[in-house]
Amino acid sequence: MLTPAQVTFFQENGYLILENFIDSDIIEGWRGQVWKHLNSKLDTPETWPNNYVVENFSFSPLFGQLPAMQEITEQLGGGAFTGGGGSPLVKWPNPDENWTMPRIGHIDAYGAAGWSPFMLGATTYLYDVKPGGGAFIYWPGSHHTTHQYFLQYPEQIDGSFRNVEGWDWNVLSDLSPERPREFISAAGDVVLWHAFLCHTGSENVRDIPRFGLFARYAHKRREQIKYEIPEDLWKYWAI
């Protein structure tokens, strides 16, 4: 259960970091599962694949379905949020590259499968991630400026902004009130993020892979409310 101060921080900043959130036994179990699936090991880099998505695989238990995660989504959504699945995404080491902070972020829900809006995202790692280690990058406070953008252009919420001449994702991330940050954390730490928070991935110039686990939660009434841009950003939340 999040404290009132944590809820307020999340509302103001669009993200919230929860340290030591996932039990180490679960992390160890997940590590064993994914390496077995990949027919590889952490200490045999010569056997590592190079795919960003781990195909045909899911963890048991699912990150987004852990009781502690369900408790948080119940608190934030009042029972209206559903989902929490997702495959692991891997940033394999590329130590010959020069690391730079990404300049452009994006918001999810506009993938190849079409527009699929959601409310809340969460990210955790299987191994500690240090600076330059392929961290999740986020723009604090950008959920507010993204919200303001869609209040101004509500017809674009379906993704039609991508058809506007000269439009690029920097239109949203450049509006952010703060510069981007790396989610530097220990394995099992979790960052919660609002669906309107600009974010992106980054290059991994360290020597171990970054396994990112992502969970996204949609509203049960997604189809009924998907075109609405409420004046109150938290209208369909319980906070």
C-alpha atoms as a PDB file:
ATOM      1  CA  MET A   1       0.000   0.000   0.000  1.00  0.00           C
ATOM      2  CA  LEU A   2       1.350   3.411  -0.948  1.00  0.00           C
ATOM      3  CA  THR A   3       1.501   6.128   1.684  1.00  0.00           C
ATOM      4  CA  PRO A   4      -0.314   9.448   1.150  1.00  0.00           C
ATOM      5  CA  ALA A   5       3.072  11.105   0.568  1.00  0.00           C
ATOM      6  CA  GLN A   6       3.942   8.540  -2.129  1.00  0.00           C
ATOM      7  CA  VAL A   7       0.608   9.045  -3.858  1.00  0.00           C
ATOM      8  CA  THR A   8       1.119  12.817  -3.831  1.00  0.00           C
ATOM      9  CA  PHE A   9       4.633  12.421  -5.248  1.00  0.00           C
ATOM     10  CA  PHE A  10       3.303  10.181  -8.026  1.00  0.00           C
ATOM     11  CA  GLN A  11       0.576  12.665  -8.906  1.00  0.00           C
ATOM     12  CA  GLU A  12       3.000  15.599  -8.991  1.00  0.00           C
ATOM     13  CA  ASN A  13       5.887  13.912 -10.804  1.00  0.00           C
ATOM     14  CA  GLY A  14       4.240  11.161 -12.850  1.00  0.00           C
ATOM     15  CA  TYR A  15       6.529   8.453 -11.490  1.00  0.00           C
ATOM     16  CA  LEU A  16       7.339   6.784  -8.179  1.00  0.00           C
ATOM     17  CA  ILE A  17      10.324   4.576  -7.316  1.00  0.00           C
ATOM     18  CA  LEU A  18       9.748   1.722  -4.858  1.00  0.00           C
ATOM     19  CA  GLU A  19      13.013   0.308  -3.538  1.00  0.00           C
ATOM     20  CA  ASN A  20      13.426  -3.376  -2.593  1.00  0.00           C
ATOM     21  CA  PHE A  21       9.881  -3.985  -3.763  1.00  0.00           C
ATOM     22  CA  ILE A  22      10.207  -7.504  -5.178  1.00  0.00           C
ATOM     23  CA  ASP A  23      11.427 -10.371  -3.015  1.00  0.00           C
ATOM     24  CA  SER A  24      14.888 -11.669  -3.927  1.00  0.00           C
ATOM     25  CA  ASP A  25      13.592 -15.243  -4.218  1.00  0.00           C
ATOM     26  CA  ILE A  26      11.235 -14.164  -6.985  1.00  0.00           C
ATOM     27  CA  ILE A  27      14.062 -12.346  -8.779  1.00  0.00           C
ATOM     28  CA  GLU A  28      16.274 -15.433  -8.573  1.00  0.00           C
ATOM     29  CA  GLY A  29      13.454 -17.589  -9.926  1.00  0.00           C
ATOM     30  CA  TRP A  30      12.904 -15.232 -12.853  1.00  0.00           C
ATOM     31  CA  ARG A  31      16.619 -15.232 -13.672  1.00  0.00           C
ATOM     32  CA  GLY A  32      16.678 -19.002 -13.810  1.00  0.00           C
ATOM     33  CA  GLN A  33      13.571 -19.109 -16.009  1.00  0.00           C
ATOM     34  CA  VAL A  34      14.799 -16.664 -18.630  1.00  0.00           C
ATOM     35  CA  TRP A  35      18.323 -18.076 -18.928  1.00  0.00           C
ATOM     36  CA  LYS A  36      16.881 -21.561 -19.305  1.00  0.00           C
ATOM     37  CA  HIS A  37      14.594 -20.296 -22.061  1.00  0.00           C
ATOM     38  CA  LEU A  38      17.543 -18.626 -23.795  1.00  0.00           C
ATOM     39  CA  ASN A  39      19.702 -21.728 -23.347  1.00  0.00           C
ATOM     40  CA  SER A  40      22.386 -19.447 -21.993  1.00  0.00           C
ATOM     41  CA  LYS A  41      23.923 -18.127 -18.762  1.00  0.00           C
ATOM     42  CA  LEU A  42      25.000 -14.784 -17.376  1.00  0.00           C
ATOM     43  CA  ASP A  43      28.634 -15.930 -17.196  1.00  0.00           C
ATOM     44  CA  THR A  44      28.792 -17.235 -20.794  1.00  0.00           C
ATOM     45  CA  PRO A  45      28.456 -14.086 -22.925  1.00  0.00           C
ATOM     46  CA  GLU A  46      29.520 -16.019 -25.999  1.00  0.00           C
ATOM     47  CA  THR A  47      26.118 -17.769 -25.846  1.00  0.00           C
ATOM     48  CA  TRP A  48      24.026 -14.620 -25.429  1.00  0.00           C
ATOM     49  CA  PRO A  49      21.491 -13.870 -28.162  1.00  0.00           C
ATOM     50  CA  ASN A  50      20.938 -10.328 -29.368  1.00  0.00           C
ATOM     51  CA  ASN A  51      17.151 -10.018 -29.507  1.00  0.00           C
ATOM     52  CA  TYR A  52      15.454  -7.076 -27.819  1.00  0.00           C
ATOM     53  CA  VAL A  53      12.265  -9.059 -27.157  1.00  0.00           C
ATOM     54  CA  VAL A  54      12.394 -12.484 -25.506  1.00  0.00           C
ATOM     55  CA  GLU A  55       9.982 -14.276 -27.818  1.00  0.00           C
ATOM     56  CA  ASN A  56       7.474 -16.934 -26.738  1.00  0.00           C
ATOM     57  CA  PHE A  57       8.269 -16.502 -23.060  1.00  0.00           C
ATOM     58  CA  SER A  58       6.619 -15.193 -19.918  1.00  0.00           C
ATOM     59  CA  PHE A  59       7.702 -15.229 -16.295  1.00  0.00           C
ATOM     60  CA  SER A  60       5.987 -17.158 -13.560  1.00  0.00           C
ATOM     61  CA  PRO A  61       4.632 -15.417 -11.599  1.00  0.00           C
ATOM     62  CA  LEU A  62       4.035 -12.449 -13.883  1.00  0.00           C
ATOM     63  CA  PHE A  63       5.552  -9.213 -12.614  1.00  0.00           C
ATOM     64  CA  GLY A  64       2.326  -7.276 -13.030  1.00  0.00           C
ATOM     65  CA  GLN A  65       0.279  -9.961 -11.305  1.00  0.00           C
ATOM     66  CA  LEU A  66       2.316 -10.113  -8.085  1.00  0.00           C
ATOM     67  CA  PRO A  67       0.053  -9.560  -5.055  1.00  0.00           C
ATOM     68  CA  ALA A  68       1.972  -6.430  -4.087  1.00  0.00           C
ATOM     69  CA  MET A  69       1.480  -4.979  -7.571  1.00  0.00           C
ATOM     70  CA  GLN A  70      -2.209  -5.883  -7.525  1.00  0.00           C
ATOM     71  CA  GLU A  71      -2.567  -4.124  -4.179  1.00  0.00           C
ATOM     72  CA  ILE A  72      -1.116  -0.937  -5.658  1.00  0.00           C
ATOM     73  CA  THR A  73      -3.267  -1.032  -8.779  1.00  0.00           C
ATOM     74  CA  GLU A  74      -6.321  -1.611  -6.599  1.00  0.00           C
ATOM     75  CA  GLN A  75      -5.375   1.424  -4.533  1.00  0.00           C
ATOM     76  CA  LEU A  76      -4.671   3.672  -7.529  1.00  0.00           C
ATOM     77  CA  GLY A  77      -7.515   2.465  -9.707  1.00  0.00           C
ATOM     78  CA  GLY A  78     -10.156   1.525  -7.169  1.00  0.00           C
ATOM     79  CA  GLY A  79     -10.586  -1.864  -8.808  1.00  0.00           C
ATOM     80  CA  ALA A  80     -10.978  -0.393 -12.307  1.00  0.00           C
ATOM     81  CA  PHE A  81      -7.473  -1.186 -13.578  1.00  0.00           C
ATOM     82  CA  THR A  82      -6.728  -4.489 -15.286  1.00  0.00           C
ATOM     83  CA  GLY A  83      -3.780  -6.090 -17.060  1.00  0.00           C
ATOM     84  CA  GLY A  84      -0.176  -6.389 -15.982  1.00  0.00           C
ATOM     85  CA  GLY A  85       1.300  -8.747 -18.570  1.00  0.00           C
ATOM     86  CA  GLY A  86       4.255  -8.194 -20.873  1.00  0.00           C
ATOM     87  CA  SER A  87       7.400  -9.857 -22.193  1.00  0.00           C
ATOM     88  CA  PRO A  88      10.884  -8.962 -20.929  1.00  0.00           C
ATOM     89  CA  LEU A  89      12.878  -6.525 -23.049  1.00  0.00           C
ATOM     90  CA  VAL A  90      16.649  -6.897 -23.096  1.00  0.00           C
ATOM     91  CA  LYS A  91      19.354  -4.335 -23.765  1.00  0.00           C
ATOM     92  CA  TRP A  92      22.396  -6.476 -24.490  1.00  0.00           C
ATOM     93  CA  PRO A  93      25.834  -4.955 -23.775  1.00  0.00           C
ATOM     94  CA  ASN A  94      27.441  -2.824 -26.437  1.00  0.00           C
ATOM     95  CA  PRO A  95      30.526  -1.491 -24.627  1.00  0.00           C
ATOM     96  CA  ASP A  96      32.087  -0.076 -27.805  1.00  0.00           C
ATOM     97  CA  GLU A  97      29.356   2.565 -28.041  1.00  0.00           C
ATOM     98  CA  ASN A  98      29.567   6.000 -26.424  1.00  0.00           C
ATOM     99  CA  TRP A  99      26.697   6.538 -24.003  1.00  0.00           C
ATOM    100  CA  THR A 100      24.651   9.712 -24.318  1.00  0.00           C
ATOM    101  CA  MET A 101      21.389  10.696 -22.670  1.00  0.00           C
ATOM    102  CA  PRO A 102      18.517  10.264 -25.159  1.00  0.00           C
ATOM    103  CA  ARG A 103      17.029  13.558 -26.322  1.00  0.00           C
ATOM    104  CA  ILE A 104      13.607  12.321 -27.387  1.00  0.00           C
ATOM    105  CA  GLY A 105      11.035  10.394 -25.385  1.00  0.00           C
ATOM    106  CA  HIS A 106       7.656   8.956 -26.314  1.00  0.00           C
ATOM    107  CA  ILE A 107       4.478   7.690 -24.715  1.00  0.00           C
ATOM    108  CA  ASP A 108       3.243   4.122 -25.195  1.00  0.00           C
ATOM    109  CA  ALA A 109      -0.061   2.851 -26.594  1.00  0.00           C
ATOM    110  CA  TYR A 110       0.745   3.647 -30.244  1.00  0.00           C
ATOM    111  CA  GLY A 111       2.445   0.469 -31.430  1.00  0.00           C
ATOM    112  CA  ALA A 112       2.196  -1.647 -34.556  1.00  0.00           C
ATOM    113  CA  ALA A 113      -1.025  -3.248 -33.318  1.00  0.00           C
ATOM    114  CA  GLY A 114      -2.757   0.132 -33.233  1.00  0.00           C
ATOM    115  CA  TRP A 115      -3.853   2.481 -30.484  1.00  0.00           C
ATOM    116  CA  SER A 116      -4.203   0.658 -27.160  1.00  0.00           C
ATOM    117  CA  PRO A 117      -4.552   3.196 -24.328  1.00  0.00           C
ATOM    118  CA  PHE A 118      -3.712   2.352 -20.726  1.00  0.00           C
ATOM    119  CA  MET A 119      -3.446   4.124 -17.377  1.00  0.00           C
ATOM    120  CA  LEU A 120      -0.410   2.962 -15.426  1.00  0.00           C
ATOM    121  CA  GLY A 121       2.959   1.421 -16.270  1.00  0.00           C
ATOM    122  CA  ALA A 122       5.583  -0.260 -14.080  1.00  0.00           C
ATOM    123  CA  THR A 123       9.177  -1.300 -14.729  1.00  0.00           C
ATOM    124  CA  THR A 124      11.655  -3.462 -12.838  1.00  0.00           C
ATOM    125  CA  TYR A 125      15.007  -5.135 -13.579  1.00  0.00           C
ATOM    126  CA  LEU A 126      16.442  -8.630 -13.108  1.00  0.00           C
ATOM    127  CA  TYR A 127      19.922  -7.256 -12.374  1.00  0.00           C
ATOM    128  CA  ASP A 128      21.242  -4.004 -10.931  1.00  0.00           C
ATOM    129  CA  VAL A 129      21.441  -1.248 -13.528  1.00  0.00           C
ATOM    130  CA  LYS A 130      24.203   1.334 -13.248  1.00  0.00           C
ATOM    131  CA  PRO A 131      24.626   4.558 -15.241  1.00  0.00           C
ATOM    132  CA  GLY A 132      25.020   3.713 -18.902  1.00  0.00           C
ATOM    133  CA  GLY A 133      23.594   0.246 -18.341  1.00  0.00           C
ATOM    134  CA  GLY A 134      20.572   0.494 -20.630  1.00  0.00           C
ATOM    135  CA  ALA A 135      18.293   2.138 -18.087  1.00  0.00           C
ATOM    136  CA  PHE A 136      14.669   3.150 -18.553  1.00  0.00           C
ATOM    137  CA  ILE A 137      14.740   6.914 -19.209  1.00  0.00           C
ATOM    138  CA  TYR A 138      11.903   9.173 -18.062  1.00  0.00           C
ATOM    139  CA  TRP A 139      11.006  12.857 -18.148  1.00  0.00           C
ATOM    140  CA  PRO A 140       9.694  13.881 -14.685  1.00  0.00           C
ATOM    141  CA  GLY A 141       6.502  15.905 -14.766  1.00  0.00           C
ATOM    142  CA  SER A 142       5.901  15.324 -18.465  1.00  0.00           C
ATOM    143  CA  HIS A 143       2.557  13.658 -17.763  1.00  0.00           C
ATOM    144  CA  HIS A 144       1.196  17.143 -17.044  1.00  0.00           C
ATOM    145  CA  THR A 145       2.521  18.699 -20.248  1.00  0.00           C
ATOM    146  CA  THR A 146       1.372  15.712 -22.329  1.00  0.00           C
ATOM    147  CA  HIS A 147      -2.063  16.120 -20.769  1.00  0.00           C
ATOM    148  CA  GLN A 148      -2.079  19.805 -21.695  1.00  0.00           C
ATOM    149  CA  TYR A 149      -1.085  18.930 -25.266  1.00  0.00           C
ATOM    150  CA  PHE A 150      -4.039  16.570 -25.668  1.00  0.00           C
ATOM    151  CA  LEU A 151      -6.412  19.071 -24.056  1.00  0.00           C
ATOM    152  CA  GLN A 152      -5.358  21.434 -26.843  1.00  0.00           C
ATOM    153  CA  TYR A 153      -5.526  18.748 -29.560  1.00  0.00           C
ATOM    154  CA  PRO A 154      -8.023  16.157 -28.277  1.00  0.00           C
ATOM    155  CA  GLU A 155      -8.661  14.732 -31.740  1.00  0.00           C
ATOM    156  CA  GLN A 156      -5.042  13.531 -31.860  1.00  0.00           C
ATOM    157  CA  ILE A 157      -5.330  11.121 -28.909  1.00  0.00           C
ATOM    158  CA  ASP A 158      -5.914   8.246 -31.333  1.00  0.00           C
ATOM    159  CA  GLY A 159      -2.401   8.658 -32.715  1.00  0.00           C
ATOM    160  CA  SER A 160      -3.289  10.892 -35.640  1.00  0.00           C
ATOM    161  CA  PHE A 161      -0.624  13.347 -34.403  1.00  0.00           C
ATOM    162  CA  ARG A 162       1.842  11.129 -36.265  1.00  0.00           C
ATOM    163  CA  ASN A 163       0.238  12.254 -39.530  1.00  0.00           C
ATOM    164  CA  VAL A 164       0.795  15.942 -38.816  1.00  0.00           C
ATOM    165  CA  GLU A 165       3.472  17.338 -41.106  1.00  0.00           C
ATOM    166  CA  GLY A 166       6.721  17.873 -39.221  1.00  0.00           C
ATOM    167  CA  TRP A 167       5.490  16.131 -36.063  1.00  0.00           C
ATOM    168  CA  ASP A 168       7.934  13.991 -34.104  1.00  0.00           C
ATOM    169  CA  TRP A 169       8.003  12.576 -30.574  1.00  0.00           C
ATOM    170  CA  ASN A 170      10.206  15.447 -29.431  1.00  0.00           C
ATOM    171  CA  VAL A 171       7.044  17.595 -29.595  1.00  0.00           C
ATOM    172  CA  LEU A 172       5.928  15.888 -26.365  1.00  0.00           C
ATOM    173  CA  SER A 173       9.256  15.341 -24.602  1.00  0.00           C
ATOM    174  CA  ASP A 174      10.416  18.909 -25.328  1.00  0.00           C
ATOM    175  CA  LEU A 175       7.390  20.167 -23.392  1.00  0.00           C
ATOM    176  CA  SER A 176       8.582  18.425 -20.236  1.00  0.00           C
ATOM    177  CA  PRO A 177       9.340  20.716 -17.296  1.00  0.00           C
ATOM    178  CA  GLU A 178      12.414  18.628 -16.396  1.00  0.00           C
ATOM    179  CA  ARG A 179      15.301  17.005 -18.213  1.00  0.00           C
ATOM    180  CA  PRO A 180      15.365  13.207 -18.634  1.00  0.00           C
ATOM    181  CA  ARG A 181      16.719  10.882 -15.941  1.00  0.00           C
ATOM    182  CA  GLU A 182      17.963   7.308 -15.863  1.00  0.00           C
ATOM    183  CA  PHE A 183      16.125   4.798 -13.695  1.00  0.00           C
ATOM    184  CA  ILE A 184      19.288   3.618 -11.923  1.00  0.00           C
ATOM    185  CA  SER A 185      18.319   0.893  -9.509  1.00  0.00           C
ATOM    186  CA  ALA A 186      18.952  -2.435  -7.868  1.00  0.00           C
ATOM    187  CA  ALA A 187      17.264  -5.591  -9.093  1.00  0.00           C
ATOM    188  CA  GLY A 188      13.721  -5.719  -7.714  1.00  0.00           C
ATOM    189  CA  ASP A 189      13.273  -1.964  -7.394  1.00  0.00           C
ATOM    190  CA  VAL A 190      10.165  -0.789  -9.259  1.00  0.00           C
ATOM    191  CA  VAL A 191       9.290   2.474 -10.946  1.00  0.00           C
ATOM    192  CA  LEU A 192       5.609   3.257 -11.437  1.00  0.00           C
ATOM    193  CA  TRP A 193       4.811   5.685 -14.256  1.00  0.00           C
ATOM    194  CA  HIS A 194       1.731   7.454 -15.573  1.00  0.00           C
ATOM    195  CA  ALA A 195       0.767   6.542 -19.141  1.00  0.00           C
ATOM    196  CA  PHE A 196       1.327  10.173 -20.251  1.00  0.00           C
ATOM    197  CA  LEU A 197       4.907  10.251 -18.869  1.00  0.00           C
ATOM    198  CA  CYS A 198       7.468  10.594 -21.661  1.00  0.00           C
ATOM    199  CA  HIS A 199      10.064   7.849 -21.540  1.00  0.00           C
ATOM    200  CA  THR A 200      12.407   5.793 -23.708  1.00  0.00           C
ATOM    201  CA  GLY A 201      15.185   3.223 -23.579  1.00  0.00           C
ATOM    202  CA  SER A 202      18.929   3.836 -23.634  1.00  0.00           C
ATOM    203  CA  GLU A 203      22.145   2.250 -24.821  1.00  0.00           C
ATOM    204  CA  ASN A 204      23.814  -0.361 -22.629  1.00  0.00           C
ATOM    205  CA  VAL A 205      27.582   0.224 -22.548  1.00  0.00           C
ATOM    206  CA  ARG A 206      28.122  -1.888 -19.433  1.00  0.00           C
ATOM    207  CA  ASP A 207      29.126  -5.546 -19.357  1.00  0.00           C
ATOM    208  CA  ILE A 208      25.869  -7.252 -18.312  1.00  0.00           C
ATOM    209  CA  PRO A 209      22.504  -7.324 -20.067  1.00  0.00           C
ATOM    210  CA  ARG A 210      19.657  -5.172 -18.860  1.00  0.00           C
ATOM    211  CA  PHE A 211      16.541  -7.288 -18.474  1.00  0.00           C
ATOM    212  CA  GLY A 212      13.573  -4.943 -18.190  1.00  0.00           C
ATOM    213  CA  LEU A 213      10.182  -6.242 -17.046  1.00  0.00           C
ATOM    214  CA  PHE A 214       7.246  -4.028 -17.986  1.00  0.00           C
ATOM    215  CA  ALA A 215       3.626  -4.111 -16.876  1.00  0.00           C
ATOM    216  CA  ARG A 216       0.808  -1.919 -18.154  1.00  0.00           C
ATOM    217  CA  TYR A 217      -2.671  -1.555 -16.697  1.00  0.00           C
ATOM    218  CA  ALA A 218      -5.686  -0.356 -18.675  1.00  0.00           C
ATOM    219  CA  HIS A 219      -9.038   0.857 -17.395  1.00  0.00           C
ATOM    220  CA  LYS A 220     -11.870  -1.664 -17.526  1.00  0.00           C
ATOM    221  CA  ARG A 221     -13.914   0.945 -19.395  1.00  0.00           C
ATOM    222  CA  ARG A 222     -11.130   1.623 -21.879  1.00  0.00           C
ATOM    223  CA  GLU A 223     -13.329   1.356 -24.970  1.00  0.00           C
ATOM    224  CA  GLN A 224     -15.973   3.687 -23.527  1.00  0.00           C
ATOM    225  CA  ILE A 225     -13.559   6.415 -22.385  1.00  0.00           C
ATOM    226  CA  LYS A 226     -10.651   6.083 -24.818  1.00  0.00           C
ATOM    227  CA  TYR A 227     -11.447   9.313 -26.723  1.00  0.00           C
ATOM    228  CA  GLU A 228     -12.056  11.422 -23.643  1.00  0.00           C
ATOM    229  CA  ILE A 229      -9.417  13.859 -22.382  1.00  0.00           C
ATOM    230  CA  PRO A 230     -10.721  14.898 -18.950  1.00  0.00           C
ATOM    231  CA  GLU A 231      -9.818  18.298 -17.542  1.00  0.00           C
ATOM    232  CA  ASP A 232      -8.966  16.396 -14.366  1.00  0.00           C
ATOM    233  CA  LEU A 233      -6.039  14.093 -15.169  1.00  0.00           C
ATOM    234  CA  TRP A 234      -7.130  11.784 -12.332  1.00  0.00           C
ATOM    235  CA  LYS A 235     -10.809  11.524 -13.187  1.00  0.00           C
ATOM    236  CA  TYR A 236     -10.683   7.756 -13.772  1.00  0.00           C
ATOM    237  CA  TRP A 237      -8.296   7.024 -10.928  1.00  0.00           C
ATOM    238  CA  ALA A 238      -9.116   6.479  -7.245  1.00  0.00           C
ATOM    239  CA  ILE A 239      -6.615   9.096  -6.085  1.00  0.00           C
END
